[in-house]
Amino acid sequence: MRDYLLLVACVAISACTPDDAAHTPIYLTAPYNTWPPAPANTPIEPGRPVGLNGRQQESIVTGVMKWMKDPVSVQFRRIEGVQNSRGLVTVCGEVSGRNTAGRQIGMEPFVGVLMGPDGDADFVLVGIGSSERERAEVSQLCRASGIFSTE
């Protein structure tokens, strides 16, 4: 009986351990997850630089923190935004934090879009460059949008 209780306790504790954020897929939340994908070969429209107000910056930090393993260890740098002709604000920056082993990882690029009116904008994270391939993809999206700070 004692061994059985120990096994149940171990299973319960392991179920509480969150996934490794570096390998957790990023997905769109409602209502953005119902939008159709862009047609193939749709070019990214570069935007013009815009300042990000306090509410937008808060939304960006909150949006990225959802995908980090240890929110207390997270640091941001070089957050920049551009607005295209349709009014969409693309945001790129860099984020670092602690991994599951408790080691500090370096600054990794991220990209996302502010959705909604300025005062109530939600930040929809598109990607974090946690591998070499993902870093290249995120950096390319940022360059195509007109943001060069994550190179």
N, C-alpha and C. Protein backbone atom coordinates (compact mmCIF):
# COMPACT_ATOMS: atom_id res chain seq x y z
N MET A 1 0.83 -1.19 0.00
CA MET A 1 0.00 0.00 0.00
C MET A 1 0.88 1.26 0.00
N ARG A 2 1.93 1.21 0.81
CA ARG A 2 2.82 2.37 0.91
C ARG A 2 3.48 2.65 -0.45
N ASP A 3 3.93 1.61 -1.15
CA ASP A 3 4.54 1.77 -2.46
C ASP A 3 3.54 2.35 -3.47
N TYR A 4 2.30 1.89 -3.37
CA TYR A 4 1.25 2.40 -4.25
C TYR A 4 1.02 3.89 -4.02
N LEU A 5 0.96 4.32 -2.77
CA LEU A 5 0.77 5.74 -2.45
C LEU A 5 1.95 6.57 -2.95
N LEU A 6 3.15 6.04 -2.82
CA LEU A 6 4.33 6.74 -3.31
C LEU A 6 4.27 6.91 -4.83
N LEU A 7 3.85 5.87 -5.53
CA LEU A 7 3.70 5.94 -6.98
C LEU A 7 2.66 6.97 -7.38
N VAL A 8 1.52 6.98 -6.70
CA VAL A 8 0.46 7.94 -6.99
C VAL A 8 0.96 9.37 -6.73
N ALA A 9 1.69 9.57 -5.64
CA ALA A 9 2.23 10.90 -5.32
C ALA A 9 3.21 11.35 -6.39
N CYS A 10 4.07 10.46 -6.87
CA CYS A 10 5.04 10.82 -7.92
C CYS A 10 4.33 11.19 -9.22
N VAL A 11 3.32 10.43 -9.58
CA VAL A 11 2.56 10.72 -10.79
C VAL A 11 1.86 12.07 -10.66
N ALA A 12 1.27 12.34 -9.51
CA ALA A 12 0.58 13.61 -9.28
C ALA A 12 1.55 14.78 -9.36
N ILE A 13 2.72 14.64 -8.78
CA ILE A 13 3.71 15.72 -8.82
C ILE A 13 4.21 15.93 -10.24
N SER A 14 4.46 14.87 -10.98
CA SER A 14 4.96 15.02 -12.36
C SER A 14 3.90 15.65 -13.25
N ALA A 15 2.64 15.43 -12.95
CA ALA A 15 1.56 16.04 -13.74
C ALA A 15 1.50 17.54 -13.52
N CYS A 16 2.02 18.02 -12.41
CA CYS A 16 2.00 19.45 -12.12
C CYS A 16 3.17 20.18 -12.75
N THR A 17 4.16 19.46 -13.24
CA THR A 17 5.33 20.09 -13.84
C THR A 17 4.95 20.64 -15.20
N PRO A 18 5.14 21.96 -15.43
CA PRO A 18 4.78 22.53 -16.72
C PRO A 18 5.70 22.06 -17.83
N ASP A 19 5.22 22.14 -19.06
CA ASP A 19 6.00 21.76 -20.23
C ASP A 19 7.21 22.67 -20.36
N ASP A 20 8.22 22.19 -21.07
CA ASP A 20 9.40 22.98 -21.38
C ASP A 20 8.99 24.04 -22.39
N ALA A 21 9.07 25.30 -22.02
CA ALA A 21 8.59 26.39 -22.87
C ALA A 21 9.30 26.43 -24.21
N ALA A 22 10.55 26.02 -24.26
CA ALA A 22 11.28 26.06 -25.52
C ALA A 22 10.69 25.11 -26.55
N HIS A 23 9.96 24.10 -26.10
CA HIS A 23 9.39 23.13 -27.03
C HIS A 23 7.86 23.14 -27.01
N THR A 24 7.26 24.10 -26.34
CA THR A 24 5.82 24.23 -26.32
C THR A 24 5.37 24.95 -27.57
N PRO A 25 4.52 24.34 -28.39
CA PRO A 25 4.08 25.03 -29.60
C PRO A 25 3.27 26.28 -29.26
N ILE A 26 3.47 27.31 -30.04
CA ILE A 26 2.71 28.55 -29.87
C ILE A 26 1.47 28.44 -30.75
N TYR A 27 0.34 28.76 -30.19
CA TYR A 27 -0.90 28.69 -30.94
C TYR A 27 -1.68 29.99 -30.72
N LEU A 28 -2.55 30.29 -31.67
CA LEU A 28 -3.37 31.49 -31.57
C LEU A 28 -4.58 31.22 -30.69
N THR A 29 -4.93 32.20 -29.88
CA THR A 29 -6.10 32.09 -29.04
C THR A 29 -7.30 32.72 -29.74
N ALA A 30 -8.49 32.43 -29.25
CA ALA A 30 -9.71 33.01 -29.82
C ALA A 30 -9.67 34.52 -29.64
N PRO A 31 -10.17 35.27 -30.54
CA PRO A 31 -10.85 34.92 -31.79
C PRO A 31 -9.89 34.74 -32.96
N TYR A 32 -8.57 34.87 -32.74
CA TYR A 32 -7.60 34.88 -33.83
C TYR A 32 -7.38 33.49 -34.43
N ASN A 33 -7.72 32.43 -33.70
CA ASN A 33 -7.48 31.08 -34.20
C ASN A 33 -8.48 30.64 -35.26
N THR A 34 -9.51 31.44 -35.54
CA THR A 34 -10.49 31.07 -36.56
C THR A 34 -10.22 31.76 -37.90
N TRP A 35 -9.22 32.61 -37.95
CA TRP A 35 -8.90 33.31 -39.19
C TRP A 35 -8.28 32.34 -40.18
N PRO A 36 -8.59 32.51 -41.47
CA PRO A 36 -7.98 31.63 -42.47
C PRO A 36 -6.50 31.98 -42.64
N PRO A 37 -5.68 31.00 -43.01
CA PRO A 37 -4.27 31.31 -43.23
C PRO A 37 -4.09 32.22 -44.44
N ALA A 38 -3.00 32.94 -44.45
CA ALA A 38 -2.69 33.80 -45.60
C ALA A 38 -2.40 32.92 -46.81
N PRO A 39 -2.76 33.38 -47.99
CA PRO A 39 -2.43 32.60 -49.19
C PRO A 39 -0.92 32.41 -49.32
N ALA A 40 -0.53 31.31 -49.94
CA ALA A 40 0.89 31.03 -50.13
C ALA A 40 1.56 32.16 -50.88
N ASN A 41 2.80 32.43 -50.52
CA ASN A 41 3.63 33.46 -51.16
C ASN A 41 3.11 34.88 -50.96
N THR A 42 2.28 35.09 -49.94
CA THR A 42 1.83 36.44 -49.63
C THR A 42 3.00 37.21 -49.02
N PRO A 43 3.40 38.32 -49.63
CA PRO A 43 4.54 39.06 -49.08
C PRO A 43 4.16 39.78 -47.79
N ILE A 44 5.16 40.00 -46.96
CA ILE A 44 4.96 40.76 -45.73
C ILE A 44 5.18 42.23 -46.06
N GLU A 45 4.22 43.06 -45.71
CA GLU A 45 4.32 44.49 -45.98
C GLU A 45 5.16 45.15 -44.89
N PRO A 46 6.27 45.80 -45.28
CA PRO A 46 7.04 46.51 -44.26
C PRO A 46 6.24 47.68 -43.70
N GLY A 47 6.43 47.94 -42.43
CA GLY A 47 5.71 49.03 -41.79
C GLY A 47 6.62 50.20 -41.48
N ARG A 48 6.01 51.24 -40.93
CA ARG A 48 6.78 52.41 -40.50
C ARG A 48 6.93 52.33 -38.99
N PRO A 49 8.08 52.73 -38.47
CA PRO A 49 8.30 52.64 -37.02
C PRO A 49 7.25 53.42 -36.23
N VAL A 50 6.79 52.84 -35.14
CA VAL A 50 5.85 53.51 -34.25
C VAL A 50 6.33 53.36 -32.81
N GLY A 51 6.00 54.34 -31.99
CA GLY A 51 6.27 54.23 -30.57
C GLY A 51 5.21 53.35 -29.92
N LEU A 52 5.61 52.60 -28.94
CA LEU A 52 4.68 51.72 -28.23
C LEU A 52 4.34 52.35 -26.89
N ASN A 53 3.04 52.57 -26.63
CA ASN A 53 2.64 53.18 -25.37
C ASN A 53 2.73 52.16 -24.23
N GLY A 54 2.53 52.61 -23.03
CA GLY A 54 2.66 51.76 -21.86
C GLY A 54 1.73 50.56 -21.88
N ARG A 55 0.50 50.75 -22.30
CA ARG A 55 -0.46 49.65 -22.36
C ARG A 55 -0.03 48.61 -23.39
N GLN A 56 0.47 49.07 -24.54
CA GLN A 56 0.94 48.14 -25.57
C GLN A 56 2.15 47.36 -25.07
N GLN A 57 3.08 48.04 -24.41
CA GLN A 57 4.26 47.37 -23.88
C GLN A 57 3.85 46.32 -22.83
N GLU A 58 2.89 46.66 -22.00
CA GLU A 58 2.39 45.72 -20.99
C GLU A 58 1.78 44.49 -21.67
N SER A 59 1.03 44.72 -22.73
CA SER A 59 0.40 43.62 -23.46
C SER A 59 1.46 42.72 -24.09
N ILE A 60 2.53 43.31 -24.61
CA ILE A 60 3.61 42.53 -25.22
C ILE A 60 4.28 41.65 -24.17
N VAL A 61 4.64 42.26 -23.05
CA VAL A 61 5.29 41.50 -21.97
C VAL A 61 4.39 40.37 -21.50
N THR A 62 3.12 40.66 -21.27
CA THR A 62 2.18 39.63 -20.82
C THR A 62 2.06 38.52 -21.85
N GLY A 63 1.97 38.89 -23.13
CA GLY A 63 1.83 37.90 -24.19
C GLY A 63 3.03 36.97 -24.31
N VAL A 64 4.23 37.51 -24.14
CA VAL A 64 5.43 36.68 -24.24
C VAL A 64 5.60 35.83 -22.98
N MET A 65 5.29 36.41 -21.82
CA MET A 65 5.47 35.69 -20.55
C MET A 65 4.65 34.41 -20.48
N LYS A 66 3.53 34.36 -21.19
CA LYS A 66 2.70 33.15 -21.19
C LYS A 66 3.48 31.94 -21.68
N TRP A 67 4.52 32.17 -22.47
CA TRP A 67 5.26 31.08 -23.09
C TRP A 67 6.61 30.82 -22.44
N MET A 68 6.90 31.53 -21.36
CA MET A 68 8.20 31.35 -20.70
C MET A 68 8.06 30.39 -19.53
N LYS A 69 9.11 29.64 -19.27
CA LYS A 69 9.11 28.62 -18.22
C LYS A 69 9.11 29.24 -16.83
N ASP A 70 9.98 30.23 -16.60
CA ASP A 70 10.14 30.84 -15.28
C ASP A 70 9.94 32.34 -15.41
N PRO A 71 8.70 32.83 -15.29
CA PRO A 71 8.41 34.24 -15.53
C PRO A 71 9.24 35.21 -14.68
N VAL A 72 9.68 34.79 -13.50
CA VAL A 72 10.45 35.68 -12.64
C VAL A 72 11.81 36.00 -13.26
N SER A 73 12.37 35.09 -14.05
CA SER A 73 13.70 35.28 -14.61
C SER A 73 13.71 35.99 -15.96
N VAL A 74 12.57 36.33 -16.50
CA VAL A 74 12.47 36.86 -17.86
C VAL A 74 12.96 38.30 -17.93
N GLN A 75 13.73 38.57 -18.98
CA GLN A 75 14.19 39.93 -19.27
C GLN A 75 13.93 40.22 -20.75
N PHE A 76 13.63 41.48 -21.04
CA PHE A 76 13.36 41.90 -22.40
C PHE A 76 14.37 42.95 -22.82
N ARG A 77 14.57 43.04 -24.13
CA ARG A 77 15.39 44.14 -24.65
C ARG A 77 15.01 44.39 -26.10
N ARG A 78 15.24 45.61 -26.52
CA ARG A 78 15.06 46.08 -27.90
C ARG A 78 13.69 45.74 -28.48
N ILE A 79 12.64 46.11 -27.78
CA ILE A 79 11.29 45.90 -28.30
C ILE A 79 10.96 47.06 -29.23
N GLU A 80 10.64 46.74 -30.48
CA GLU A 80 10.33 47.74 -31.49
C GLU A 80 9.06 47.35 -32.23
N GLY A 81 8.33 48.35 -32.69
CA GLY A 81 7.12 48.09 -33.44
C GLY A 81 7.06 48.87 -34.73
N VAL A 82 6.38 48.30 -35.71
CA VAL A 82 6.10 48.99 -36.98
C VAL A 82 4.63 48.79 -37.30
N GLN A 83 4.05 49.78 -37.97
CA GLN A 83 2.64 49.71 -38.34
C GLN A 83 2.54 49.71 -39.86
N ASN A 84 1.77 48.74 -40.41
CA ASN A 84 1.61 48.70 -41.86
C ASN A 84 0.42 49.55 -42.30
N SER A 85 0.14 49.56 -43.60
CA SER A 85 -0.92 50.41 -44.14
C SER A 85 -2.31 49.98 -43.68
N ARG A 86 -2.47 48.75 -43.20
CA ARG A 86 -3.77 48.28 -42.70
C ARG A 86 -3.94 48.54 -41.22
N GLY A 87 -2.92 49.13 -40.59
CA GLY A 87 -3.00 49.47 -39.18
C GLY A 87 -2.47 48.40 -38.23
N LEU A 88 -2.01 47.25 -38.76
CA LEU A 88 -1.48 46.21 -37.90
C LEU A 88 -0.09 46.60 -37.40
N VAL A 89 0.13 46.39 -36.11
CA VAL A 89 1.42 46.70 -35.50
C VAL A 89 2.16 45.39 -35.25
N THR A 90 3.27 45.22 -35.96
CA THR A 90 4.15 44.07 -35.76
C THR A 90 5.21 44.48 -34.76
N VAL A 91 5.51 43.59 -33.83
CA VAL A 91 6.47 43.88 -32.77
C VAL A 91 7.54 42.80 -32.76
N CYS A 92 8.78 43.23 -32.67
CA CYS A 92 9.91 42.31 -32.53
C CYS A 92 10.74 42.77 -31.34
N GLY A 93 11.42 41.83 -30.73
CA GLY A 93 12.29 42.14 -29.61
C GLY A 93 13.09 40.92 -29.25
N GLU A 94 13.70 40.98 -28.10
CA GLU A 94 14.48 39.86 -27.60
C GLU A 94 14.06 39.56 -26.17
N VAL A 95 14.11 38.29 -25.82
CA VAL A 95 13.70 37.86 -24.48
C VAL A 95 14.68 36.80 -24.00
N SER A 96 14.97 36.82 -22.71
CA SER A 96 15.77 35.76 -22.10
C SER A 96 15.07 35.31 -20.83
N GLY A 97 15.45 34.16 -20.35
CA GLY A 97 14.85 33.63 -19.13
C GLY A 97 15.53 32.35 -18.73
N ARG A 98 14.96 31.69 -17.75
CA ARG A 98 15.54 30.43 -17.26
C ARG A 98 14.85 29.25 -17.92
N ASN A 99 15.67 28.24 -18.24
CA ASN A 99 15.11 27.02 -18.81
C ASN A 99 14.73 26.05 -17.69
N THR A 100 14.30 24.85 -18.06
CA THR A 100 13.83 23.90 -17.05
C THR A 100 14.93 23.44 -16.12
N ALA A 101 16.19 23.52 -16.56
CA ALA A 101 17.31 23.13 -15.70
C ALA A 101 17.73 24.27 -14.78
N GLY A 102 17.09 25.42 -14.91
CA GLY A 102 17.41 26.55 -14.06
C GLY A 102 18.57 27.39 -14.58
N ARG A 103 19.05 27.08 -15.78
CA ARG A 103 20.14 27.85 -16.37
C ARG A 103 19.58 29.02 -17.17
N GLN A 104 20.28 30.13 -17.10
CA GLN A 104 19.89 31.32 -17.85
C GLN A 104 20.19 31.09 -19.33
N ILE A 105 19.21 31.32 -20.18
CA ILE A 105 19.45 31.22 -21.62
C ILE A 105 19.62 32.63 -22.16
N GLY A 106 20.33 32.75 -23.26
CA GLY A 106 20.62 34.05 -23.84
C GLY A 106 19.40 34.71 -24.46
N MET A 107 19.61 35.92 -24.94
CA MET A 107 18.54 36.66 -25.60
C MET A 107 18.14 35.96 -26.89
N GLU A 108 16.86 35.69 -27.03
CA GLU A 108 16.31 35.06 -28.21
C GLU A 108 15.30 36.00 -28.85
N PRO A 109 15.25 36.07 -30.19
CA PRO A 109 14.30 36.98 -30.84
C PRO A 109 12.87 36.46 -30.74
N PHE A 110 11.93 37.41 -30.71
CA PHE A 110 10.51 37.04 -30.78
C PHE A 110 9.81 37.99 -31.73
N VAL A 111 8.66 37.56 -32.25
CA VAL A 111 7.85 38.37 -33.15
C VAL A 111 6.38 38.11 -32.84
N GLY A 112 5.59 39.15 -32.97
CA GLY A 112 4.15 39.02 -32.75
C GLY A 112 3.43 40.24 -33.30
N VAL A 113 2.12 40.25 -33.10
CA VAL A 113 1.28 41.32 -33.63
C VAL A 113 0.37 41.83 -32.53
N LEU A 114 0.23 43.17 -32.44
CA LEU A 114 -0.74 43.77 -31.53
C LEU A 114 -2.07 43.81 -32.25
N MET A 115 -3.08 43.22 -31.65
CA MET A 115 -4.40 43.14 -32.26
C MET A 115 -5.39 43.94 -31.43
N GLY A 116 -6.21 44.74 -32.08
CA GLY A 116 -7.23 45.51 -31.39
C GLY A 116 -6.82 46.96 -31.22
N PRO A 117 -7.73 47.75 -30.66
CA PRO A 117 -7.44 49.18 -30.47
C PRO A 117 -6.28 49.39 -29.49
N ASP A 118 -5.58 50.51 -29.64
CA ASP A 118 -4.39 50.80 -28.84
C ASP A 118 -4.59 50.55 -27.35
N GLY A 119 -5.66 51.05 -26.79
CA GLY A 119 -5.89 50.92 -25.35
C GLY A 119 -6.16 49.51 -24.89
N ASP A 120 -6.73 48.68 -25.76
CA ASP A 120 -7.09 47.31 -25.40
C ASP A 120 -6.42 46.28 -26.29
N ALA A 121 -5.26 46.59 -26.81
CA ALA A 121 -4.59 45.69 -27.74
C ALA A 121 -4.13 44.41 -27.05
N ASP A 122 -4.37 43.30 -27.72
CA ASP A 122 -3.84 42.00 -27.29
C ASP A 122 -2.58 41.75 -28.10
N PHE A 123 -1.56 41.18 -27.47
CA PHE A 123 -0.36 40.81 -28.20
C PHE A 123 -0.45 39.33 -28.53
N VAL A 124 -0.42 39.02 -29.81
CA VAL A 124 -0.48 37.64 -30.28
C VAL A 124 0.93 37.26 -30.69
N LEU A 125 1.55 36.39 -29.91
CA LEU A 125 2.91 35.94 -30.18
C LEU A 125 2.91 35.01 -31.39
N VAL A 126 3.78 35.30 -32.34
CA VAL A 126 3.90 34.46 -33.54
C VAL A 126 5.01 33.44 -33.35
N GLY A 127 6.11 33.85 -32.72
CA GLY A 127 7.19 32.90 -32.53
C GLY A 127 8.31 33.45 -31.67
N ILE A 128 9.04 32.51 -31.04
CA ILE A 128 10.26 32.81 -30.29
C ILE A 128 11.35 31.94 -30.90
N GLY A 129 12.48 32.53 -31.21
CA GLY A 129 13.58 31.79 -31.83
C GLY A 129 14.39 31.00 -30.84
N SER A 130 13.91 29.83 -30.44
CA SER A 130 14.62 29.05 -29.43
C SER A 130 15.60 28.05 -30.04
N SER A 131 15.54 27.82 -31.35
CA SER A 131 16.51 26.97 -32.04
C SER A 131 17.13 27.81 -33.16
N GLU A 132 18.19 27.30 -33.75
CA GLU A 132 18.86 28.04 -34.83
C GLU A 132 17.88 28.31 -35.98
N ARG A 133 17.10 27.29 -36.38
CA ARG A 133 16.14 27.47 -37.47
C ARG A 133 15.06 28.49 -37.10
N GLU A 134 14.53 28.40 -35.87
CA GLU A 134 13.50 29.34 -35.44
C GLU A 134 14.05 30.77 -35.33
N ARG A 135 15.30 30.91 -34.86
CA ARG A 135 15.92 32.25 -34.80
C ARG A 135 15.99 32.86 -36.20
N ALA A 136 16.38 32.05 -37.18
CA ALA A 136 16.47 32.54 -38.56
C ALA A 136 15.10 32.95 -39.08
N GLU A 137 14.06 32.13 -38.79
CA GLU A 137 12.71 32.45 -39.24
C GLU A 137 12.18 33.72 -38.60
N VAL A 138 12.34 33.84 -37.28
CA VAL A 138 11.85 35.03 -36.57
C VAL A 138 12.59 36.27 -37.05
N SER A 139 13.91 36.17 -37.19
CA SER A 139 14.69 37.32 -37.66
C SER A 139 14.28 37.73 -39.06
N GLN A 140 13.99 36.75 -39.93
CA GLN A 140 13.55 37.07 -41.29
C GLN A 140 12.20 37.77 -41.27
N LEU A 141 11.27 37.31 -40.43
CA LEU A 141 9.96 37.98 -40.31
C LEU A 141 10.13 39.42 -39.83
N CYS A 142 11.02 39.62 -38.88
CA CYS A 142 11.26 40.98 -38.37
C CYS A 142 11.86 41.87 -39.44
N ARG A 143 12.85 41.36 -40.17
CA ARG A 143 13.47 42.16 -41.25
C ARG A 143 12.44 42.49 -42.31
N ALA A 144 11.62 41.50 -42.72
CA ALA A 144 10.61 41.74 -43.76
C ALA A 144 9.58 42.77 -43.31
N SER A 145 9.33 42.84 -42.00
CA SER A 145 8.37 43.80 -41.46
C SER A 145 8.96 45.19 -41.33
N GLY A 146 10.28 45.29 -41.44
CA GLY A 146 10.94 46.59 -41.32
C GLY A 146 11.62 46.81 -39.98
N ILE A 147 11.79 45.74 -39.22
CA ILE A 147 12.46 45.82 -37.91
C ILE A 147 13.76 45.03 -38.01
N PHE A 148 14.86 45.66 -37.68
CA PHE A 148 16.15 45.02 -37.87
C PHE A 148 16.87 44.74 -36.55
N SER A 149 16.24 44.98 -35.40
CA SER A 149 16.95 44.92 -34.13
C SER A 149 17.25 43.52 -33.63
N THR A 150 16.67 42.47 -34.21
CA THR A 150 16.87 41.13 -33.66
C THR A 150 17.92 40.34 -34.42
N GLU A 151 18.72 40.98 -35.25
CA GLU A 151 19.75 40.26 -36.00
C GLU A 151 20.86 39.82 -35.10
